[in-house]
C-alpha atoms as a PDB file:
ATOM      1  CA  MET A   1      47.705 -35.791 -37.599  1.00  0.00           C
ATOM      2  CA  ASN A   2      46.357 -34.487 -40.939  1.00  0.00           C
ATOM      3  CA  GLU A   3      45.580 -31.152 -39.320  1.00  0.00           C
ATOM      4  CA  ILE A   4      49.134 -30.889 -37.951  1.00  0.00           C
ATOM      5  CA  LEU A   5      50.673 -31.685 -41.330  1.00  0.00           C
ATOM      6  CA  GLU A   6      48.435 -29.225 -43.125  1.00  0.00           C
ATOM      7  CA  SER A   7      49.091 -26.429 -40.654  1.00  0.00           C
ATOM      8  CA  LEU A   8      52.863 -26.917 -40.717  1.00  0.00           C
ATOM      9  CA  THR A   9      53.165 -27.227 -44.487  1.00  0.00           C
ATOM     10  CA  LYS A  10      50.709 -24.499 -45.450  1.00  0.00           C
ATOM     11  CA  GLY A  11      50.730 -22.231 -42.446  1.00  0.00           C
ATOM     12  CA  ILE A  12      53.054 -19.611 -40.964  1.00  0.00           C
ATOM     13  CA  ALA A  13      54.310 -20.375 -37.463  1.00  0.00           C
ATOM     14  CA  VAL A  14      55.086 -17.806 -34.768  1.00  0.00           C
ATOM     15  CA  TYR A  15      56.072 -18.727 -31.242  1.00  0.00           C
ATOM     16  CA  GLU A  16      57.016 -17.660 -27.739  1.00  0.00           C
ATOM     17  CA  THR A  17      59.115 -19.514 -25.186  1.00  0.00           C
ATOM     18  CA  LEU A  18      58.426 -18.830 -21.520  1.00  0.00           C
ATOM     19  CA  ARG A  19      60.441 -19.739 -18.449  1.00  0.00           C
ATOM     20  CA  THR A  20      59.059 -20.761 -15.086  1.00  0.00           C
ATOM     21  CA  TYR A  21      60.675 -20.141 -11.704  1.00  0.00           C
ATOM     22  CA  LYS A  22      59.534 -22.493  -8.929  1.00  0.00           C
ATOM     23  CA  GLY A  23      56.442 -23.334 -10.931  1.00  0.00           C
ATOM     24  CA  LYS A  24      55.530 -19.735 -11.725  1.00  0.00           C
ATOM     25  CA  PRO A  25      55.684 -18.518 -15.359  1.00  0.00           C
ATOM     26  CA  PHE A  26      57.610 -15.301 -15.876  1.00  0.00           C
ATOM     27  CA  ALA A  27      56.544 -12.288 -17.963  1.00  0.00           C
ATOM     28  CA  VAL A  28      53.378 -13.858 -19.362  1.00  0.00           C
ATOM     29  CA  ASN A  29      51.931 -10.501 -20.401  1.00  0.00           C
ATOM     30  CA  GLU A  30      55.148  -9.399 -22.161  1.00  0.00           C
ATOM     31  CA  HIS A  31      55.328 -12.656 -24.094  1.00  0.00           C
ATOM     32  CA  TYR A  32      51.690 -12.297 -25.070  1.00  0.00           C
ATOM     33  CA  GLN A  33      52.187  -8.733 -26.306  1.00  0.00           C
ATOM     34  CA  ARG A  34      55.164  -9.797 -28.416  1.00  0.00           C
ATOM     35  CA  LEU A  35      53.195 -12.721 -29.825  1.00  0.00           C
ATOM     36  CA  CYS A  36      50.399 -10.342 -30.827  1.00  0.00           C
ATOM     37  CA  LYS A  37      52.914  -8.127 -32.609  1.00  0.00           C
ATOM     38  CA  SER A  38      54.251 -11.094 -34.601  1.00  0.00           C
ATOM     39  CA  LEU A  39      50.767 -12.214 -35.608  1.00  0.00           C
ATOM     40  CA  ARG A  40      49.683  -8.709 -36.581  1.00  0.00           C
ATOM     41  CA  TYR A  41      52.657  -8.406 -38.927  1.00  0.00           C
ATOM     42  CA  LEU A  42      51.039 -11.346 -40.714  1.00  0.00           C
ATOM     43  CA  ASN A  43      47.536  -9.829 -40.587  1.00  0.00           C
ATOM     44  CA  ILE A  44      46.394 -12.614 -38.274  1.00  0.00           C
ATOM     45  CA  GLU A  45      44.067 -11.866 -35.383  1.00  0.00           C
ATOM     46  CA  PRO A  46      45.801 -13.015 -32.177  1.00  0.00           C
ATOM     47  CA  PRO A  47      44.218 -15.141 -29.469  1.00  0.00           C
ATOM     48  CA  THR A  48      42.877 -13.414 -26.384  1.00  0.00           C
ATOM     49  CA  PHE A  49      45.177 -13.011 -23.406  1.00  0.00           C
ATOM     50  CA  GLU A  50      42.931 -15.385 -21.445  1.00  0.00           C
ATOM     51  CA  GLU A  51      43.382 -18.089 -24.113  1.00  0.00           C
ATOM     52  CA  PHE A  52      47.154 -17.615 -24.140  1.00  0.00           C
ATOM     53  CA  GLU A  53      47.389 -17.586 -20.351  1.00  0.00           C
ATOM     54  CA  LYS A  54      45.335 -20.773 -20.117  1.00  0.00           C
ATOM     55  CA  LEU A  55      47.768 -22.562 -22.447  1.00  0.00           C
ATOM     56  CA  VAL A  56      50.662 -21.444 -20.246  1.00  0.00           C
ATOM     57  CA  TYR A  57      49.149 -22.556 -16.940  1.00  0.00           C
ATOM     58  CA  ASN A  58      47.868 -25.835 -18.351  1.00  0.00           C
ATOM     59  CA  ASN A  59      51.364 -26.764 -19.547  1.00  0.00           C
ATOM     60  CA  LEU A  60      53.709 -25.633 -16.792  1.00  0.00           C
ATOM     61  CA  SER A  61      57.296 -26.866 -17.154  1.00  0.00           C
ATOM     62  CA  GLU A  62      60.777 -25.326 -16.994  1.00  0.00           C
ATOM     63  CA  ARG A  63      60.314 -23.999 -20.534  1.00  0.00           C
ATOM     64  CA  ILE A  64      56.980 -23.645 -22.273  1.00  0.00           C
ATOM     65  CA  ARG A  65      57.141 -23.223 -26.036  1.00  0.00           C
ATOM     66  CA  ILE A  66      53.861 -22.098 -27.551  1.00  0.00           C
ATOM     67  CA  VAL A  67      53.624 -22.214 -31.333  1.00  0.00           C
ATOM     68  CA  TYR A  68      50.759 -20.717 -33.306  1.00  0.00           C
ATOM     69  CA  VAL A  69      50.208 -21.767 -36.897  1.00  0.00           C
ATOM     70  CA  TYR A  70      47.693 -20.297 -39.304  1.00  0.00           C
ATOM     71  CA  ALA A  71      46.117 -22.567 -41.897  1.00  0.00           C
ATOM     72  CA  GLY A  72      42.710 -21.053 -42.492  1.00  0.00           C
ATOM     73  CA  ARG A  73      42.383 -20.666 -38.726  1.00  0.00           C
ATOM     74  CA  LEU A  74      44.761 -20.195 -35.817  1.00  0.00           C
ATOM     75  CA  ILE A  75      46.033 -23.468 -34.342  1.00  0.00           C
ATOM     76  CA  SER A  76      48.204 -23.712 -31.209  1.00  0.00           C
ATOM     77  CA  TYR A  77      50.786 -26.310 -30.208  1.00  0.00           C
ATOM     78  CA  VAL A  78      52.458 -26.411 -26.811  1.00  0.00           C
ATOM     79  CA  PHE A  79      55.757 -28.104 -25.994  1.00  0.00           C
ATOM     80  CA  GLN A  80      56.911 -28.717 -22.436  1.00  0.00           C
ATOM     81  CA  GLU A  81      60.691 -28.452 -22.378  1.00  0.00           C
ATOM     82  CA  SER A  82      63.601 -28.250 -19.936  1.00  0.00           C
ATOM     83  CA  THR A  83      66.586 -25.913 -19.682  1.00  0.00           C
ATOM     84  CA  GLU A  84      69.039 -28.817 -19.497  1.00  0.00           C
ATOM     85  CA  ASN A  85      70.553 -28.214 -22.951  1.00  0.00           C
ATOM     86  CA  TYR A  86      71.632 -24.731 -21.839  1.00  0.00           C
ATOM     87  CA  ASN A  87      73.552 -25.922 -18.766  1.00  0.00           C
ATOM     88  CA  VAL A  88      77.228 -25.592 -19.665  1.00  0.00           C
ATOM     89  CA  ASP A  89      80.283 -24.805 -17.555  1.00  0.00           C
ATOM     90  CA  TYR A  90      82.263 -23.066 -20.289  1.00  0.00           C
ATOM     91  CA  VAL A  91      80.582 -20.750 -22.785  1.00  0.00           C
ATOM     92  CA  LYS A  92      82.267 -20.139 -26.119  1.00  0.00           C
ATOM     93  CA  ILE A  93      80.747 -17.919 -28.804  1.00  0.00           C
ATOM     94  CA  ASP A  94      81.876 -16.691 -32.186  1.00  0.00           C
ATOM     95  CA  PHE A  95      80.697 -14.540 -35.072  1.00  0.00           C
ATOM     96  CA  THR A  96      78.811 -16.126 -37.944  1.00  0.00           C
ATOM     97  CA  SER A  97      79.129 -15.089 -41.574  1.00  0.00           C
ATOM     98  CA  ILE A  98      75.323 -15.179 -41.890  1.00  0.00           C
ATOM     99  CA  ARG A  99      73.916 -11.665 -41.633  1.00  0.00           C
ATOM    100  CA  ARG A 100      70.741 -10.725 -39.800  1.00  0.00           C
ATOM    101  CA  ALA A 101      68.004 -10.091 -42.350  1.00  0.00           C
ATOM    102  CA  ASP A 102      67.552  -6.418 -43.201  1.00  0.00           C
ATOM    103  CA  SER A 103      64.831  -4.840 -41.072  1.00  0.00           C
ATOM    104  CA  ASN A 104      63.124  -3.530 -44.197  1.00  0.00           C
ATOM    105  CA  SER A 105      62.754  -7.108 -45.441  1.00  0.00           C
ATOM    106  CA  ILE A 106      61.874  -8.963 -42.241  1.00  0.00           C
ATOM    107  CA  PRO A 107      60.938  -7.113 -39.039  1.00  0.00           C
ATOM    108  CA  PRO A 108      63.454  -8.115 -36.343  1.00  0.00           C
ATOM    109  CA  ASP A 109      60.649  -8.537 -33.813  1.00  0.00           C
ATOM    110  CA  LEU A 110      58.746 -11.020 -35.986  1.00  0.00           C
ATOM    111  CA  LYS A 111      59.398 -14.165 -33.930  1.00  0.00           C
ATOM    112  CA  SER A 112      58.770 -16.861 -36.506  1.00  0.00           C
ATOM    113  CA  LEU A 113      59.944 -20.461 -36.839  1.00  0.00           C
ATOM    114  CA  GLY A 114      60.537 -19.893 -40.536  1.00  0.00           C
ATOM    115  CA  ARG A 115      63.344 -17.310 -40.375  1.00  0.00           C
ATOM    116  CA  PRO A 116      66.007 -18.526 -42.816  1.00  0.00           C
ATOM    117  CA  ASP A 117      68.675 -16.111 -41.558  1.00  0.00           C
ATOM    118  CA  ILE A 118      68.519 -17.514 -38.028  1.00  0.00           C
ATOM    119  CA  TYR A 119      68.244 -21.112 -39.231  1.00  0.00           C
ATOM    120  CA  LEU A 120      71.296 -20.757 -41.484  1.00  0.00           C
ATOM    121  CA  ALA A 121      73.270 -19.064 -38.710  1.00  0.00           C
ATOM    122  CA  ARG A 122      72.501 -21.935 -36.336  1.00  0.00           C
ATOM    123  CA  LEU A 123      73.973 -24.345 -38.850  1.00  0.00           C
ATOM    124  CA  THR A 124      77.330 -22.570 -38.354  1.00  0.00           C
ATOM    125  CA  LYS A 125      77.355 -22.946 -34.549  1.00  0.00           C
ATOM    126  CA  GLY A 126      79.672 -25.947 -34.380  1.00  0.00           C
ATOM    127  CA  ASP A 127      80.766 -26.322 -30.743  1.00  0.00           C
ATOM    128  CA  ASN A 128      79.810 -22.770 -29.854  1.00  0.00           C
ATOM    129  CA  TYR A 129      77.087 -22.006 -27.332  1.00  0.00           C
ATOM    130  CA  ASP A 130      75.738 -19.434 -29.780  1.00  0.00           C
ATOM    131  CA  VAL A 131      76.971 -17.362 -32.711  1.00  0.00           C
ATOM    132  CA  ILE A 132      76.634 -13.609 -33.097  1.00  0.00           C
ATOM    133  CA  MET A 133      74.979 -12.180 -36.183  1.00  0.00           C
ATOM    134  CA  LEU A 134      75.897  -8.810 -37.696  1.00  0.00           C
ATOM    135  CA  GLY A 135      73.498  -6.419 -39.356  1.00  0.00           C
ATOM    136  CA  ASP A 136      73.438  -4.790 -42.771  1.00  0.00           C
ATOM    137  CA  LYS A 137      75.875  -2.064 -41.643  1.00  0.00           C
ATOM    138  CA  GLY A 138      78.249  -4.497 -39.985  1.00  0.00           C
ATOM    139  CA  GLN A 139      76.916  -3.731 -36.495  1.00  0.00           C
ATOM    140  CA  ILE A 140      76.566  -6.383 -33.827  1.00  0.00           C
ATOM    141  CA  CYS A 141      72.957  -7.543 -33.586  1.00  0.00           C
ATOM    142  CA  GLU A 142      72.433 -10.649 -31.447  1.00  0.00           C
ATOM    143  CA  GLY A 143      72.871 -14.384 -31.227  1.00  0.00           C
ATOM    144  CA  THR A 144      70.527 -16.878 -32.813  1.00  0.00           C
ATOM    145  CA  PHE A 145      68.623 -17.216 -29.516  1.00  0.00           C
ATOM    146  CA  SER A 146      70.283 -14.643 -27.264  1.00  0.00           C
ATOM    147  CA  ASN A 147      70.983 -10.956 -26.810  1.00  0.00           C
ATOM    148  CA  ILE A 148      74.497  -9.752 -26.051  1.00  0.00           C
ATOM    149  CA  PHE A 149      75.962  -7.324 -23.511  1.00  0.00           C
ATOM    150  CA  ILE A 150      79.501  -6.083 -23.054  1.00  0.00           C
ATOM    151  CA  VAL A 151      80.970  -4.479 -19.942  1.00  0.00           C
ATOM    152  CA  LYS A 152      83.556  -1.723 -20.319  1.00  0.00           C
ATOM    153  CA  ASN A 153      84.873   0.459 -17.492  1.00  0.00           C
ATOM    154  CA  GLY A 154      81.877  -0.349 -15.327  1.00  0.00           C
ATOM    155  CA  LYS A 155      79.355   0.510 -18.058  1.00  0.00           C
ATOM    156  CA  PHE A 156      77.016  -2.025 -19.670  1.00  0.00           C
ATOM    157  CA  ILE A 157      76.622  -1.700 -23.427  1.00  0.00           C
ATOM    158  CA  THR A 158      74.130  -3.606 -25.564  1.00  0.00           C
ATOM    159  CA  PRO A 159      72.888  -3.242 -29.166  1.00  0.00           C
ATOM    160  CA  SER A 160      69.892  -0.912 -29.374  1.00  0.00           C
ATOM    161  CA  LEU A 161      66.582  -2.030 -30.829  1.00  0.00           C
ATOM    162  CA  ASP A 162      67.261   0.031 -33.965  1.00  0.00           C
ATOM    163  CA  SER A 163      70.367  -2.103 -34.525  1.00  0.00           C
ATOM    164  CA  GLY A 164      67.925  -4.677 -35.895  1.00  0.00           C
ATOM    165  CA  ILE A 165      67.440  -6.996 -32.947  1.00  0.00           C
ATOM    166  CA  LEU A 166      64.576  -8.881 -31.347  1.00  0.00           C
ATOM    167  CA  ASP A 167      63.208  -7.035 -28.331  1.00  0.00           C
ATOM    168  CA  GLY A 168      64.305  -9.752 -25.933  1.00  0.00           C
ATOM    169  CA  ILE A 169      62.186  -9.916 -22.789  1.00  0.00           C
ATOM    170  CA  THR A 170      65.067 -11.134 -20.615  1.00  0.00           C
ATOM    171  CA  ARG A 171      67.218  -8.364 -22.143  1.00  0.00           C
ATOM    172  CA  MET A 172      64.586  -5.818 -21.138  1.00  0.00           C
ATOM    173  CA  TYR A 173      64.463  -7.050 -17.544  1.00  0.00           C
ATOM    174  CA  VAL A 174      68.261  -7.234 -17.278  1.00  0.00           C
ATOM    175  CA  ILE A 175      68.473  -3.577 -18.358  1.00  0.00           C
ATOM    176  CA  LYS A 176      65.775  -2.695 -15.820  1.00  0.00           C
ATOM    177  CA  TYR A 177      67.589  -4.565 -13.050  1.00  0.00           C
ATOM    178  CA  LEU A 178      71.005  -3.060 -13.847  1.00  0.00           C
ATOM    179  CA  LYS A 179      69.590   0.464 -13.760  1.00  0.00           C
ATOM    180  CA  GLU A 180      67.721  -0.194 -10.517  1.00  0.00           C
ATOM    181  CA  VAL A 181      70.924  -1.269  -8.748  1.00  0.00           C
ATOM    182  CA  GLY A 182      72.820   1.769 -10.020  1.00  0.00           C
ATOM    183  CA  TYR A 183      74.714   0.664 -13.139  1.00  0.00           C
ATOM    184  CA  GLU A 184      74.932   2.746 -16.307  1.00  0.00           C
ATOM    185  CA  VAL A 185      73.460   1.022 -19.363  1.00  0.00           C
ATOM    186  CA  GLU A 186      74.009   2.259 -22.908  1.00  0.00           C
ATOM    187  CA  GLU A 187      71.885   1.000 -25.812  1.00  0.00           C
ATOM    188  CA  ARG A 188      73.465   1.851 -29.172  1.00  0.00           C
ATOM    189  CA  PHE A 189      75.063   0.522 -32.329  1.00  0.00           C
ATOM    190  CA  VAL A 190      77.973  -1.708 -31.293  1.00  0.00           C
ATOM    191  CA  GLU A 191      80.909  -2.400 -33.587  1.00  0.00           C
ATOM    192  CA  PRO A 192      82.341  -5.947 -33.717  1.00  0.00           C
ATOM    193  CA  TYR A 193      85.819  -4.889 -32.534  1.00  0.00           C
ATOM    194  CA  GLU A 194      84.338  -3.621 -29.238  1.00  0.00           C
ATOM    195  CA  ILE A 195      83.619  -7.123 -28.044  1.00  0.00           C
ATOM    196  CA  PHE A 196      87.336  -7.968 -28.053  1.00  0.00           C
ATOM    197  CA  TYR A 197      88.227  -4.959 -25.876  1.00  0.00           C
ATOM    198  CA  ALA A 198      85.428  -5.525 -23.375  1.00  0.00           C
ATOM    199  CA  ASP A 199      86.143  -6.276 -19.736  1.00  0.00           C
ATOM    200  CA  GLU A 200      83.356  -8.868 -19.759  1.00  0.00           C
ATOM    201  CA  VAL A 201      80.786 -10.238 -22.176  1.00  0.00           C
ATOM    202  CA  PHE A 202      77.548 -12.006 -21.394  1.00  0.00           C
ATOM    203  CA  LEU A 203      74.439 -13.248 -23.157  1.00  0.00           C
ATOM    204  CA  THR A 204      70.830 -13.067 -22.047  1.00  0.00           C
ATOM    205  CA  HIS A 205      68.005 -15.378 -23.037  1.00  0.00           C
ATOM    206  CA  THR A 206      64.817 -16.837 -21.613  1.00  0.00           C
ATOM    207  CA  SER A 207      66.120 -20.253 -20.650  1.00  0.00           C
ATOM    208  CA  LYS A 208      69.108 -19.204 -18.514  1.00  0.00           C
ATOM    209  CA  GLY A 209      68.791 -15.497 -17.787  1.00  0.00           C
ATOM    210  CA  ILE A 210      72.352 -14.092 -17.760  1.00  0.00           C
ATOM    211  CA  VAL A 211      75.078 -16.305 -19.270  1.00  0.00           C
ATOM    212  CA  PRO A 212      78.736 -15.231 -18.789  1.00  0.00           C
ATOM    213  CA  VAL A 213      80.959 -15.722 -21.859  1.00  0.00           C
ATOM    214  CA  HIS A 214      84.372 -17.341 -21.340  1.00  0.00           C
ATOM    215  CA  GLN A 215      85.673 -17.300 -24.909  1.00  0.00           C
ATOM    216  CA  ILE A 216      85.056 -15.493 -28.206  1.00  0.00           C
ATOM    217  CA  GLY A 217      86.479 -17.386 -31.163  1.00  0.00           C
ATOM    218  CA  THR A 218      89.999 -18.300 -30.046  1.00  0.00           C
ATOM    219  CA  MET A 219      90.283 -15.483 -27.501  1.00  0.00           C
ATOM    220  CA  GLN A 220      89.434 -15.867 -23.838  1.00  0.00           C
ATOM    221  CA  THR A 221      87.507 -13.015 -22.273  1.00  0.00           C
ATOM    222  CA  LYS A 222      89.253 -10.973 -19.584  1.00  0.00           C
ATOM    223  CA  SER A 223      86.862 -11.900 -16.793  1.00  0.00           C
ATOM    224  CA  ILE A 224      83.506 -13.413 -15.892  1.00  0.00           C
ATOM    225  CA  GLU A 225      83.545 -12.233 -12.279  1.00  0.00           C
ATOM    226  CA  LEU A 226      80.872  -9.536 -12.441  1.00  0.00           C
ATOM    227  CA  SER A 227      78.583 -11.354 -14.878  1.00  0.00           C
ATOM    228  CA  SER A 228      78.754 -14.525 -12.757  1.00  0.00           C
ATOM    229  CA  LYS A 229      77.561 -12.551  -9.734  1.00  0.00           C
ATOM    230  CA  LEU A 230      74.839 -10.921 -11.805  1.00  0.00           C
ATOM    231  CA  THR A 231      73.631 -14.348 -12.965  1.00  0.00           C
ATOM    232  CA  LEU A 232      72.679 -15.279  -9.403  1.00  0.00           C
ATOM    233  CA  GLN A 233      71.448 -11.813  -8.457  1.00  0.00           C
ATOM    234  CA  PHE A 234      69.206 -11.556 -11.507  1.00  0.00           C
ATOM    235  CA  GLU A 235      67.640 -14.953 -10.811  1.00  0.00           C
ATOM    236  CA  GLU A 236      66.779 -13.805  -7.291  1.00  0.00           C
ATOM    237  CA  TYR A 237      65.419 -10.542  -8.700  1.00  0.00           C
ATOM    238  CA  ILE A 238      63.066 -12.420 -11.026  1.00  0.00           C
ATOM    239  CA  LYS A 239      61.863 -14.644  -8.195  1.00  0.00           C
ATOM    240  CA  TRP A 240      61.225 -11.512  -6.132  1.00  0.00           C
ATOM    241  CA  LEU A 241      59.166 -10.009  -8.958  1.00  0.00           C
ATOM    242  CA  LEU A 242      56.998 -13.133  -9.069  1.00  0.00           C
END
C-alpha cells in the first residue's frame, strides 16, 4: 500500500486501455508503441514488449487498463474492466468550453492520467456521452475519450493528427477499414460548424469501436443509418484481423 501511495503521489502515470474480442486482445503492438512514446516524452525507459504483453495476457477481460507510474522506478498497475458503461441506446454529445491543451505545451499523444485539460472537460459532460474539445485555433479536435468522424456526401472527414489530437488506435483502424472497402477519407482541420451540416456523425474509441451519434447539443443528427451498419461491419473486421 505504501508503494502505491508513493507512486501515485510522486510519480507520473501513463496508461493504455486495450479491448479484447472473444478473449483475444486487439492491437497489442500498437498500444505498446504508443505507450513507449508517452514514456519517452517523460525520459522514462519503457518496459520491453514481452513484459507489456505478459501483463495483457495475464489480465484478460473486456477492457484491460494498464497504468505505468514512475517513482524512482517503473511500476505497473492493471485493471480488469468491462465495456458496460459505454452501452447506450441514444448517444448525445456537445461541445465543451474547455480547450485542448496547445500541442507546444503538452504533446497530444502523451496519454497521461494527469492531463488537466481532459479532466476539466469531463467535468462538463453532464448527461452527454462525451464532449468535443476544440483546439487553439478553434478547430475540432476530439472527445475526452473518443475521436470524431463526420460523413458528408459519401465522404468521411476526421480531424488530422496535426489538429492536435491523440493518434487513436481505433481511429487508425477505422480509416484503414473505410479505405479498404472503397470509401474516401479526408483527414484535415475541421471547423465546428461542419458538424451541424454533416449527414452523419460518429465517434470511435477502444471500448465500443464505432459509436453513431444521435444528437449534438439540442440538434438531432440527420441519420445514423450508415454509421450503424459500419458499427457491426467494423466489429466483424476486427475479429477477422485477429
